[in-house]
Protein backbone atom coordinates (compact mmCIF):
# COMPACT_ATOMS: atom_id res chain seq x y z
CA MET A 1 32.06 -53.67 -16.15
CA ARG A 2 28.61 -53.95 -14.67
CA VAL A 3 29.32 -50.95 -12.38
CA ILE A 4 30.30 -48.82 -15.37
CA ALA A 5 27.13 -49.80 -17.22
CA LEU A 6 24.97 -48.87 -14.20
CA ALA A 7 26.75 -45.53 -13.80
CA ALA A 8 26.30 -44.76 -17.51
CA ALA A 9 22.59 -45.64 -17.32
CA GLY A 10 22.20 -43.33 -14.32
CA LEU A 11 23.89 -40.44 -16.14
CA LEU A 12 21.68 -40.96 -19.19
CA ALA A 13 18.58 -40.91 -16.99
CA LEU A 14 19.66 -37.63 -15.36
CA ALA A 15 20.42 -36.08 -18.73
CA ALA A 16 16.98 -37.09 -20.03
CA CYS A 17 15.26 -35.46 -17.04
CA SER A 18 17.03 -32.15 -17.51
CA GLN A 19 16.47 -31.80 -21.25
CA GLY A 20 12.98 -30.26 -20.81
CA VAL A 21 14.21 -27.30 -18.72
CA ASP A 22 14.45 -23.98 -20.56
CA ASP A 23 16.93 -21.73 -18.74
CA SER A 24 16.83 -19.06 -21.45
CA ARG A 25 13.80 -17.23 -19.94
CA PRO A 26 14.56 -14.10 -17.96
CA PRO A 27 13.67 -14.26 -14.27
CA ALA A 28 10.24 -12.89 -13.34
CA GLU A 29 10.36 -9.18 -12.56
CA VAL A 30 9.32 -7.98 -9.13
CA ALA A 31 6.64 -5.29 -9.37
CA ALA A 32 7.75 -1.85 -8.24
CA PRO A 33 5.91 -0.53 -5.18
CA PRO A 34 3.14 1.98 -5.85
CA VAL A 35 4.56 5.51 -5.51
CA LEU A 36 2.68 8.82 -5.35
CA ALA A 37 4.48 12.18 -5.09
CA GLY A 38 7.66 10.26 -4.27
CA ILE A 39 6.00 8.38 -1.39
CA ASP A 40 6.08 4.57 -1.28
CA LEU A 41 2.45 3.67 -0.63
CA ASN A 42 3.43 0.29 0.82
CA GLN A 43 4.92 2.11 3.82
CA PRO A 44 2.76 3.39 6.71
CA LEU A 45 0.81 6.53 5.78
CA ARG A 46 -1.33 8.95 7.71
CA ALA A 47 -4.10 11.34 6.69
CA VAL A 48 -5.57 14.07 8.90
CA GLY A 49 -8.35 16.60 8.66
CA THR A 50 -9.94 19.40 10.62
CA GLU A 51 -13.49 20.60 11.19
CA PRO A 52 -14.26 17.98 12.29
CA PHE A 53 -10.92 16.54 13.42
CA TRP A 54 -10.28 13.08 12.03
CA GLY A 55 -7.36 10.78 11.29
CA LEU A 56 -6.63 7.77 9.12
CA GLU A 57 -3.74 5.35 9.48
CA ILE A 58 -2.82 3.26 6.44
CA ALA A 59 -0.66 0.33 7.50
CA PRO A 60 0.41 -2.54 5.25
CA GLN A 61 -2.33 -4.82 6.66
CA ALA A 62 -5.12 -2.43 7.69
CA LEU A 63 -6.72 1.00 7.45
CA SER A 64 -7.91 2.62 10.68
CA TRP A 65 -10.13 5.73 10.72
CA SER A 66 -10.90 7.73 13.86
CA GLY A 67 -12.97 10.83 14.43
CA VAL A 68 -14.08 13.02 17.33
CA ASP A 69 -16.88 11.31 19.28
CA GLN A 70 -16.99 8.43 16.79
CA ALA A 71 -15.94 4.81 17.12
CA VAL A 72 -12.70 3.74 15.43
CA GLN A 73 -13.37 2.01 12.11
CA THR A 74 -10.89 -0.59 10.80
CA ALA A 75 -10.69 -2.38 7.47
CA ALA A 76 -8.33 -4.70 5.64
CA ASN A 77 -5.85 -2.95 3.34
CA PRO A 78 -6.45 -4.18 -0.23
CA GLY A 79 -3.69 -1.94 -1.59
CA PRO A 80 -4.25 1.11 -3.74
CA ALA A 81 -5.52 1.26 -7.30
CA MET A 82 -3.25 3.72 -9.11
CA GLN A 83 -4.59 6.13 -11.73
CA GLY A 84 -2.07 8.79 -12.78
CA THR A 85 -1.56 11.12 -9.81
CA THR A 86 -4.25 9.43 -7.72
CA ALA A 87 -4.30 6.37 -5.47
CA VAL A 88 -7.61 4.86 -4.28
CA TRP A 89 -8.21 2.26 -1.56
CA ARG A 90 -11.69 0.70 -1.65
CA THR A 91 -12.64 -1.63 1.18
CA GLU A 92 -15.24 -2.34 3.87
CA THR A 93 -14.85 -1.81 7.59
CA ALA A 94 -15.22 -4.68 10.02
CA GLY A 95 -18.80 -3.43 10.52
CA GLY A 96 -19.60 -3.58 6.78
CA THR A 97 -19.37 0.16 6.01
CA LEU A 98 -17.84 1.16 2.67
CA LEU A 99 -14.52 2.97 3.13
CA VAL A 100 -12.97 4.75 0.14
CA VAL A 101 -9.69 6.62 0.60
CA THR A 102 -8.37 8.81 -2.21
CA LEU A 103 -4.90 10.37 -2.10
CA ILE A 104 -3.94 12.91 -4.76
CA ALA A 105 -0.40 14.07 -5.53
CA THR A 106 -1.05 17.75 -4.81
CA GLU A 107 0.35 19.77 -1.93
CA CYS A 108 -2.08 20.39 0.88
CA SER A 109 -2.41 22.70 3.88
CA ASP A 110 -4.51 21.65 6.85
CA GLY A 111 -5.59 25.26 7.38
CA MET A 112 -4.56 25.27 11.03
CA SER A 113 -0.78 25.02 10.93
CA ASP A 114 2.12 26.13 8.77
CA ARG A 115 2.70 22.58 7.54
CA THR A 116 2.50 21.69 3.87
CA TYR A 117 1.74 18.05 3.19
CA PRO A 118 2.69 16.30 -0.07
CA LEU A 119 -0.74 14.72 -0.60
CA THR A 120 -4.38 15.77 -0.53
CA ALA A 121 -6.76 13.26 1.07
CA ARG A 122 -10.44 12.49 0.72
CA VAL A 123 -12.10 9.83 2.85
CA GLU A 124 -15.61 8.51 2.28
CA LEU A 125 -16.94 6.47 5.18
CA GLY A 126 -20.44 5.29 4.38
CA ASP A 127 -22.41 8.44 3.58
CA GLN A 128 -19.89 10.79 5.25
CA SER A 129 -17.05 12.60 3.42
CA PHE A 130 -13.91 14.06 4.96
CA ASN A 131 -11.24 16.22 3.32
CA GLY A 132 -7.70 16.67 4.55
CA CYS A 133 -4.01 16.11 3.93
CA ALA A 134 -1.73 13.08 3.94
CA ALA A 135 1.91 12.03 4.09
CA SER A 136 4.10 9.12 5.10
CA GLN A 137 4.24 8.27 8.79
CA ALA A 138 7.93 9.23 8.62
CA PHE A 139 6.87 12.77 7.60
CA PHE A 140 4.72 13.04 10.72
CA ASP A 141 7.44 11.52 12.93
CA ALA A 142 9.99 14.05 11.65
CA ALA A 143 7.75 17.11 12.07
CA PRO A 144 8.57 19.36 15.04
CA ARG A 145 6.08 19.16 17.88
CA PRO A 146 4.46 22.41 19.10
């Protein structure tokens, strides 16, 4: 009889612990990735420009800018701020220089090839500004090589 009483007391204690749980709430929704012109901005991206030639890699963890006769500049990737058809990354390079990258969902031509890119790019590195085009890294990987 004592065993039954102990088992019953244990069941009552378990029931009392579980009464405060509300299982009627829907599960938390996972935020959709930022998308611009059909491109998932959480995936690796690349921007390029001419006159002068420059390039920018946007990886999930870092942004890396390079230019002709200039040192490579890297910065942490804070993720883009989305505003309509524009995405803006605002960060500082490892050397403390402000880096602002703006991608706009408008087709772009680099002026030197027959390629049409899905995004227009503007990069501000300190007091310098660079204009060019951008796309996913997959776009660049799939493009035919000259």
